[in-house]
Amino acid sequence: MLVQAILIGLIAMFVTFEWMFGTNLGSRPIITGMLVGLVMGDLKTGIILGATLEMVFIGSITLGAAVPPDVITGGVLGAAFAISTGKGADVALALAFPIATLYLVVDNVLTLGILPFFLHKADNYIEKGDFKGMERMHILV
């Protein structure tokens, strides 16, 4: 179970940084569901869950200043919970969108609320010539 959790975390990390390999849409639920199903030993259910979640998240694109729920978190965790409980697509649908929305809220709080505080502290350290303090802020953030 621990190995599966680590592999699912690596899947999430890999698809989060898909842009490093070109835009291959690996972050979409249809791909993440299949990969999670492969890791958890139930490829068929993973494909079904991924396709079902893809239909829910298909409109989740960034338009202007609107930030959609996090497709990766919702797809990966929704599929993983549904496969591990054996309940299927209804559990994936019930969990994926709230998880993705919660992740979006937490990410916005961290990015817009806490990160600027540490960036201003790093700027103050640089103005004072304290590069060790700036390095600490960089590592902390």
N, C-alpha and C. Protein backbone atom coordinates (compact mmCIF):
# COMPACT_ATOMS: atom_id res chain seq x y z
N MET A 1 0.82 -1.19 0.00
CA MET A 1 0.00 0.00 0.00
C MET A 1 0.87 1.26 0.00
N LEU A 2 1.95 1.25 0.76
CA LEU A 2 2.84 2.40 0.81
C LEU A 2 3.50 2.62 -0.55
N VAL A 3 3.90 1.53 -1.20
CA VAL A 3 4.52 1.64 -2.52
C VAL A 3 3.53 2.24 -3.52
N GLN A 4 2.28 1.81 -3.44
CA GLN A 4 1.26 2.37 -4.32
C GLN A 4 1.06 3.87 -4.07
N ALA A 5 1.04 4.25 -2.80
CA ALA A 5 0.88 5.67 -2.47
C ALA A 5 2.04 6.50 -3.01
N ILE A 6 3.25 5.97 -2.89
CA ILE A 6 4.43 6.68 -3.41
C ILE A 6 4.35 6.78 -4.93
N LEU A 7 3.96 5.69 -5.59
CA LEU A 7 3.85 5.72 -7.04
C LEU A 7 2.76 6.68 -7.52
N ILE A 8 1.65 6.73 -6.78
CA ILE A 8 0.58 7.68 -7.13
C ILE A 8 1.07 9.11 -6.95
N GLY A 9 1.85 9.36 -5.90
CA GLY A 9 2.45 10.68 -5.71
C GLY A 9 3.40 11.03 -6.85
N LEU A 10 4.16 10.05 -7.32
CA LEU A 10 5.07 10.29 -8.44
C LEU A 10 4.29 10.56 -9.73
N ILE A 11 3.16 9.88 -9.91
CA ILE A 11 2.31 10.15 -11.07
C ILE A 11 1.83 11.60 -11.02
N ALA A 12 1.34 12.00 -9.85
CA ALA A 12 0.85 13.38 -9.71
C ALA A 12 1.97 14.39 -9.99
N MET A 13 3.17 14.10 -9.49
CA MET A 13 4.29 14.99 -9.72
C MET A 13 4.65 15.04 -11.20
N PHE A 14 4.69 13.88 -11.84
CA PHE A 14 5.06 13.82 -13.25
C PHE A 14 4.07 14.58 -14.12
N VAL A 15 2.78 14.38 -13.91
CA VAL A 15 1.79 15.06 -14.75
C VAL A 15 1.67 16.54 -14.41
N THR A 16 2.04 16.94 -13.19
CA THR A 16 2.05 18.36 -12.86
C THR A 16 3.10 19.09 -13.68
N PHE A 17 4.22 18.43 -13.94
CA PHE A 17 5.30 19.04 -14.70
C PHE A 17 5.33 18.55 -16.13
N GLU A 18 4.16 18.24 -16.69
CA GLU A 18 4.08 17.74 -18.06
C GLU A 18 4.60 18.76 -19.07
N TRP A 19 4.51 20.04 -18.75
CA TRP A 19 4.95 21.08 -19.68
C TRP A 19 6.44 20.96 -20.00
N MET A 20 7.20 20.25 -19.15
CA MET A 20 8.62 20.06 -19.43
C MET A 20 8.82 19.15 -20.64
N PHE A 21 7.82 18.36 -20.96
CA PHE A 21 7.91 17.42 -22.07
C PHE A 21 7.03 17.84 -23.24
N GLY A 22 6.59 19.06 -23.26
CA GLY A 22 5.65 19.54 -24.26
C GLY A 22 4.24 19.37 -23.73
N THR A 23 3.31 20.02 -24.35
CA THR A 23 1.93 19.92 -23.89
C THR A 23 1.35 18.62 -24.43
N ASN A 24 1.36 17.60 -23.60
CA ASN A 24 0.87 16.29 -24.03
C ASN A 24 -0.46 15.93 -23.36
N LEU A 25 -1.04 16.84 -22.60
CA LEU A 25 -2.31 16.64 -21.90
C LEU A 25 -2.28 15.45 -20.95
N GLY A 26 -1.12 15.14 -20.42
CA GLY A 26 -0.99 14.06 -19.45
C GLY A 26 -1.66 14.37 -18.13
N SER A 27 -1.98 15.63 -17.90
CA SER A 27 -2.61 16.03 -16.64
C SER A 27 -4.12 15.82 -16.65
N ARG A 28 -4.68 15.46 -17.77
CA ARG A 28 -6.13 15.26 -17.86
C ARG A 28 -6.52 13.97 -17.12
N PRO A 29 -7.73 13.96 -16.55
CA PRO A 29 -8.17 12.79 -15.78
C PRO A 29 -8.21 11.49 -16.56
N ILE A 30 -8.40 11.55 -17.86
CA ILE A 30 -8.45 10.31 -18.63
C ILE A 30 -7.08 9.61 -18.62
N ILE A 31 -6.02 10.40 -18.54
CA ILE A 31 -4.66 9.84 -18.47
C ILE A 31 -4.31 9.48 -17.02
N THR A 32 -4.59 10.39 -16.09
CA THR A 32 -4.24 10.12 -14.70
C THR A 32 -5.03 8.95 -14.14
N GLY A 33 -6.30 8.82 -14.54
CA GLY A 33 -7.10 7.68 -14.09
C GLY A 33 -6.52 6.37 -14.57
N MET A 34 -6.07 6.34 -15.83
CA MET A 34 -5.46 5.14 -16.37
C MET A 34 -4.16 4.80 -15.62
N LEU A 35 -3.34 5.81 -15.37
CA LEU A 35 -2.07 5.57 -14.67
C LEU A 35 -2.30 5.11 -13.23
N VAL A 36 -3.27 5.72 -12.55
CA VAL A 36 -3.59 5.30 -11.18
C VAL A 36 -4.13 3.87 -11.19
N GLY A 37 -4.99 3.56 -12.15
CA GLY A 37 -5.50 2.20 -12.27
C GLY A 37 -4.40 1.19 -12.52
N LEU A 38 -3.42 1.57 -13.33
CA LEU A 38 -2.28 0.70 -13.60
C LEU A 38 -1.48 0.43 -12.34
N VAL A 39 -1.23 1.47 -11.56
CA VAL A 39 -0.47 1.32 -10.32
C VAL A 39 -1.24 0.49 -9.29
N MET A 40 -2.55 0.70 -9.23
CA MET A 40 -3.35 0.01 -8.22
C MET A 40 -3.82 -1.38 -8.67
N GLY A 41 -3.43 -1.80 -9.87
CA GLY A 41 -3.72 -3.15 -10.32
C GLY A 41 -5.11 -3.33 -10.90
N ASP A 42 -5.79 -2.26 -11.26
CA ASP A 42 -7.12 -2.35 -11.85
C ASP A 42 -7.20 -1.35 -13.00
N LEU A 43 -6.55 -1.71 -14.10
CA LEU A 43 -6.45 -0.81 -15.24
C LEU A 43 -7.82 -0.50 -15.84
N LYS A 44 -8.68 -1.50 -15.95
CA LYS A 44 -10.00 -1.28 -16.55
C LYS A 44 -10.80 -0.24 -15.78
N THR A 45 -10.84 -0.38 -14.45
CA THR A 45 -11.55 0.59 -13.63
C THR A 45 -10.89 1.96 -13.71
N GLY A 46 -9.58 2.00 -13.76
CA GLY A 46 -8.86 3.27 -13.89
C GLY A 46 -9.24 4.01 -15.17
N ILE A 47 -9.37 3.26 -16.27
CA ILE A 47 -9.76 3.88 -17.54
C ILE A 47 -11.19 4.39 -17.47
N ILE A 48 -12.08 3.58 -16.89
CA ILE A 48 -13.48 3.99 -16.77
C ILE A 48 -13.60 5.23 -15.88
N LEU A 49 -12.89 5.23 -14.75
CA LEU A 49 -12.93 6.39 -13.85
C LEU A 49 -12.33 7.62 -14.51
N GLY A 50 -11.23 7.42 -15.21
CA GLY A 50 -10.59 8.55 -15.89
C GLY A 50 -11.50 9.16 -16.94
N ALA A 51 -12.19 8.32 -17.70
CA ALA A 51 -13.11 8.83 -18.72
C ALA A 51 -14.30 9.54 -18.08
N THR A 52 -14.80 8.99 -16.98
CA THR A 52 -15.92 9.62 -16.29
C THR A 52 -15.51 10.97 -15.72
N LEU A 53 -14.36 11.02 -15.07
CA LEU A 53 -13.88 12.29 -14.51
C LEU A 53 -13.52 13.30 -15.60
N GLU A 54 -13.07 12.80 -16.74
CA GLU A 54 -12.76 13.70 -17.85
C GLU A 54 -14.01 14.45 -18.29
N MET A 55 -15.15 13.76 -18.29
CA MET A 55 -16.40 14.41 -18.68
C MET A 55 -16.77 15.52 -17.69
N VAL A 56 -16.45 15.34 -16.43
CA VAL A 56 -16.76 16.37 -15.43
C VAL A 56 -15.81 17.56 -15.57
N PHE A 57 -14.53 17.26 -15.77
CA PHE A 57 -13.52 18.31 -15.80
C PHE A 57 -13.23 18.83 -17.20
N ILE A 58 -13.98 18.41 -18.20
CA ILE A 58 -13.66 18.79 -19.58
C ILE A 58 -13.73 20.29 -19.80
N GLY A 59 -14.54 20.97 -19.05
CA GLY A 59 -14.64 22.42 -19.18
C GLY A 59 -13.70 23.18 -18.28
N SER A 60 -12.83 22.49 -17.57
CA SER A 60 -11.93 23.15 -16.63
C SER A 60 -10.71 23.69 -17.35
N ILE A 61 -10.86 24.85 -17.93
CA ILE A 61 -9.74 25.52 -18.59
C ILE A 61 -9.67 26.94 -18.04
N THR A 62 -8.52 27.51 -18.10
CA THR A 62 -8.33 28.86 -17.59
C THR A 62 -8.72 29.86 -18.66
N LEU A 63 -9.68 30.68 -18.33
CA LEU A 63 -10.11 31.75 -19.22
C LEU A 63 -9.98 33.06 -18.46
N GLY A 64 -9.12 33.93 -18.95
CA GLY A 64 -8.93 35.21 -18.28
C GLY A 64 -8.38 35.02 -16.88
N ALA A 65 -9.05 35.62 -15.92
CA ALA A 65 -8.59 35.54 -14.53
C ALA A 65 -9.21 34.38 -13.78
N ALA A 66 -10.11 33.64 -14.42
CA ALA A 66 -10.76 32.51 -13.75
C ALA A 66 -9.79 31.35 -13.60
N VAL A 67 -9.74 30.79 -12.41
CA VAL A 67 -8.88 29.65 -12.15
C VAL A 67 -9.77 28.45 -11.84
N PRO A 68 -9.72 27.41 -12.68
CA PRO A 68 -10.59 26.26 -12.46
C PRO A 68 -10.06 25.38 -11.33
N PRO A 69 -10.89 24.50 -10.80
CA PRO A 69 -10.41 23.54 -9.80
C PRO A 69 -9.25 22.72 -10.37
N ASP A 70 -8.39 22.25 -9.50
CA ASP A 70 -7.19 21.53 -9.92
C ASP A 70 -7.56 20.15 -10.46
N VAL A 71 -7.40 19.98 -11.75
CA VAL A 71 -7.77 18.76 -12.43
C VAL A 71 -6.89 17.58 -11.99
N ILE A 72 -5.63 17.85 -11.77
CA ILE A 72 -4.70 16.78 -11.42
C ILE A 72 -5.04 16.18 -10.06
N THR A 73 -5.20 17.03 -9.06
CA THR A 73 -5.52 16.55 -7.72
C THR A 73 -6.84 15.81 -7.71
N GLY A 74 -7.85 16.38 -8.34
CA GLY A 74 -9.15 15.74 -8.39
C GLY A 74 -9.12 14.41 -9.12
N GLY A 75 -8.45 14.38 -10.26
CA GLY A 75 -8.39 13.15 -11.04
C GLY A 75 -7.62 12.04 -10.36
N VAL A 76 -6.45 12.38 -9.84
CA VAL A 76 -5.61 11.36 -9.21
C VAL A 76 -6.24 10.84 -7.92
N LEU A 77 -6.62 11.74 -7.03
CA LEU A 77 -7.18 11.30 -5.75
C LEU A 77 -8.58 10.70 -5.89
N GLY A 78 -9.39 11.25 -6.79
CA GLY A 78 -10.71 10.66 -7.02
C GLY A 78 -10.61 9.24 -7.52
N ALA A 79 -9.73 8.99 -8.48
CA ALA A 79 -9.55 7.64 -9.01
C ALA A 79 -8.94 6.72 -7.95
N ALA A 80 -7.97 7.21 -7.21
CA ALA A 80 -7.32 6.37 -6.19
C ALA A 80 -8.30 5.96 -5.10
N PHE A 81 -9.10 6.90 -4.61
CA PHE A 81 -10.08 6.57 -3.57
C PHE A 81 -11.14 5.61 -4.10
N ALA A 82 -11.60 5.84 -5.33
CA ALA A 82 -12.64 4.99 -5.89
C ALA A 82 -12.14 3.56 -6.11
N ILE A 83 -10.91 3.41 -6.59
CA ILE A 83 -10.36 2.06 -6.80
C ILE A 83 -10.09 1.38 -5.47
N SER A 84 -9.54 2.12 -4.51
CA SER A 84 -9.20 1.49 -3.23
C SER A 84 -10.44 1.07 -2.44
N THR A 85 -11.54 1.80 -2.58
CA THR A 85 -12.77 1.40 -1.89
C THR A 85 -13.59 0.41 -2.69
N GLY A 86 -13.32 0.31 -3.99
CA GLY A 86 -14.05 -0.61 -4.84
C GLY A 86 -15.46 -0.14 -5.17
N LYS A 87 -15.74 1.13 -4.97
CA LYS A 87 -17.10 1.65 -5.17
C LYS A 87 -17.36 2.13 -6.59
N GLY A 88 -16.33 2.49 -7.34
CA GLY A 88 -16.53 2.87 -8.72
C GLY A 88 -16.67 4.35 -8.98
N ALA A 89 -17.32 4.65 -10.12
CA ALA A 89 -17.36 6.01 -10.63
C ALA A 89 -18.15 6.96 -9.75
N ASP A 90 -19.15 6.46 -9.03
CA ASP A 90 -19.95 7.37 -8.20
C ASP A 90 -19.12 7.97 -7.07
N VAL A 91 -18.22 7.17 -6.48
CA VAL A 91 -17.33 7.70 -5.43
C VAL A 91 -16.31 8.65 -6.05
N ALA A 92 -15.80 8.31 -7.23
CA ALA A 92 -14.83 9.18 -7.88
C ALA A 92 -15.46 10.54 -8.17
N LEU A 93 -16.68 10.53 -8.66
CA LEU A 93 -17.37 11.80 -8.95
C LEU A 93 -17.68 12.57 -7.68
N ALA A 94 -18.07 11.87 -6.64
CA ALA A 94 -18.43 12.54 -5.39
C ALA A 94 -17.22 13.16 -4.70
N LEU A 95 -16.04 12.60 -4.91
CA LEU A 95 -14.84 13.09 -4.23
C LEU A 95 -13.98 14.01 -5.08
N ALA A 96 -13.91 13.76 -6.37
CA ALA A 96 -12.95 14.46 -7.22
C ALA A 96 -13.16 15.97 -7.26
N PHE A 97 -14.37 16.41 -7.50
CA PHE A 97 -14.59 17.85 -7.64
C PHE A 97 -14.41 18.61 -6.32
N PRO A 98 -14.94 18.10 -5.19
CA PRO A 98 -14.66 18.81 -3.93
C PRO A 98 -13.17 18.83 -3.56
N ILE A 99 -12.47 17.74 -3.81
CA ILE A 99 -11.03 17.70 -3.53
C ILE A 99 -10.31 18.72 -4.41
N ALA A 100 -10.66 18.78 -5.69
CA ALA A 100 -10.01 19.72 -6.61
C ALA A 100 -10.30 21.16 -6.21
N THR A 101 -11.51 21.43 -5.76
CA THR A 101 -11.88 22.79 -5.34
C THR A 101 -11.17 23.16 -4.04
N LEU A 102 -11.09 22.23 -3.10
CA LEU A 102 -10.38 22.48 -1.85
C LEU A 102 -8.90 22.76 -2.11
N TYR A 103 -8.30 21.99 -3.02
CA TYR A 103 -6.90 22.22 -3.36
C TYR A 103 -6.72 23.62 -3.95
N LEU A 104 -7.67 24.03 -4.80
CA LEU A 104 -7.59 25.37 -5.39
C LEU A 104 -7.62 26.45 -4.32
N VAL A 105 -8.50 26.30 -3.33
CA VAL A 105 -8.60 27.28 -2.25
C VAL A 105 -7.29 27.33 -1.45
N VAL A 106 -6.78 26.17 -1.08
CA VAL A 106 -5.53 26.10 -0.30
C VAL A 106 -4.38 26.69 -1.11
N ASP A 107 -4.31 26.36 -2.39
CA ASP A 107 -3.24 26.89 -3.24
C ASP A 107 -3.33 28.41 -3.36
N ASN A 108 -4.53 28.94 -3.49
CA ASN A 108 -4.70 30.39 -3.57
C ASN A 108 -4.31 31.08 -2.27
N VAL A 109 -4.67 30.49 -1.13
CA VAL A 109 -4.29 31.08 0.16
C VAL A 109 -2.77 31.10 0.29
N LEU A 110 -2.13 30.01 -0.06
CA LEU A 110 -0.67 29.95 0.04
C LEU A 110 0.00 30.91 -0.94
N THR A 111 -0.47 30.89 -2.18
CA THR A 111 0.17 31.68 -3.22
C THR A 111 -0.09 33.18 -3.05
N LEU A 112 -1.31 33.54 -2.70
CA LEU A 112 -1.66 34.96 -2.63
C LEU A 112 -1.52 35.56 -1.24
N GLY A 113 -1.52 34.72 -0.22
CA GLY A 113 -1.47 35.24 1.14
C GLY A 113 -0.14 35.09 1.84
N ILE A 114 0.41 33.89 1.79
CA ILE A 114 1.61 33.61 2.57
C ILE A 114 2.88 33.85 1.78
N LEU A 115 2.90 33.48 0.51
CA LEU A 115 4.10 33.64 -0.31
C LEU A 115 4.59 35.09 -0.39
N PRO A 116 3.72 36.07 -0.61
CA PRO A 116 4.21 37.46 -0.66
C PRO A 116 4.90 37.92 0.63
N PHE A 117 4.44 37.43 1.78
CA PHE A 117 5.07 37.77 3.04
C PHE A 117 6.54 37.35 3.03
N PHE A 118 6.80 36.10 2.61
CA PHE A 118 8.17 35.61 2.59
C PHE A 118 9.00 36.30 1.50
N LEU A 119 8.37 36.66 0.40
CA LEU A 119 9.10 37.36 -0.65
C LEU A 119 9.54 38.75 -0.19
N HIS A 120 8.67 39.44 0.55
CA HIS A 120 9.05 40.75 1.08
C HIS A 120 10.16 40.63 2.11
N LYS A 121 10.11 39.56 2.92
CA LYS A 121 11.21 39.34 3.87
C LYS A 121 12.52 39.09 3.13
N ALA A 122 12.46 38.32 2.05
CA ALA A 122 13.67 38.06 1.26
C ALA A 122 14.19 39.35 0.65
N ASP A 123 13.28 40.20 0.16
CA ASP A 123 13.70 41.51 -0.38
C ASP A 123 14.39 42.35 0.69
N ASN A 124 13.86 42.34 1.91
CA ASN A 124 14.48 43.10 3.00
C ASN A 124 15.87 42.58 3.31
N TYR A 125 16.03 41.25 3.30
CA TYR A 125 17.35 40.67 3.54
C TYR A 125 18.34 41.10 2.46
N ILE A 126 17.88 41.14 1.22
CA ILE A 126 18.76 41.55 0.12
C ILE A 126 19.16 43.01 0.26
N GLU A 127 18.21 43.87 0.62
CA GLU A 127 18.53 45.29 0.81
C GLU A 127 19.57 45.50 1.91
N LYS A 128 19.54 44.64 2.94
CA LYS A 128 20.50 44.73 4.03
C LYS A 128 21.82 44.05 3.69
N GLY A 129 21.86 43.33 2.57
CA GLY A 129 23.07 42.61 2.19
C GLY A 129 23.19 41.26 2.88
N ASP A 130 22.14 40.80 3.50
CA ASP A 130 22.15 39.52 4.21
C ASP A 130 21.68 38.42 3.26
N PHE A 131 22.65 37.88 2.50
CA PHE A 131 22.29 36.87 1.50
C PHE A 131 21.99 35.52 2.14
N LYS A 132 22.50 35.27 3.32
CA LYS A 132 22.16 34.04 4.04
C LYS A 132 20.68 34.05 4.44
N GLY A 133 20.19 35.20 4.89
CA GLY A 133 18.78 35.33 5.23
C GLY A 133 17.90 35.16 4.01
N MET A 134 18.34 35.71 2.86
CA MET A 134 17.60 35.55 1.62
C MET A 134 17.56 34.08 1.21
N GLU A 135 18.67 33.38 1.38
CA GLU A 135 18.71 31.95 1.07
C GLU A 135 17.75 31.17 1.95
N ARG A 136 17.68 31.54 3.24
CA ARG A 136 16.74 30.86 4.15
C ARG A 136 15.30 31.04 3.69
N MET A 137 14.97 32.26 3.27
CA MET A 137 13.60 32.51 2.79
C MET A 137 13.34 31.70 1.52
N HIS A 138 14.33 31.61 0.65
CA HIS A 138 14.18 30.87 -0.58
C HIS A 138 13.95 29.39 -0.30
N ILE A 139 14.72 28.84 0.62
CA ILE A 139 14.57 27.42 0.99
C ILE A 139 13.24 27.18 1.70
N LEU A 140 12.86 28.08 2.56
CA LEU A 140 11.60 27.94 3.31
C LEU A 140 10.39 27.96 2.38
N VAL A 141 10.41 28.85 1.42
CA VAL A 141 9.28 28.96 0.49
C VAL A 141 9.35 27.85 -0.51
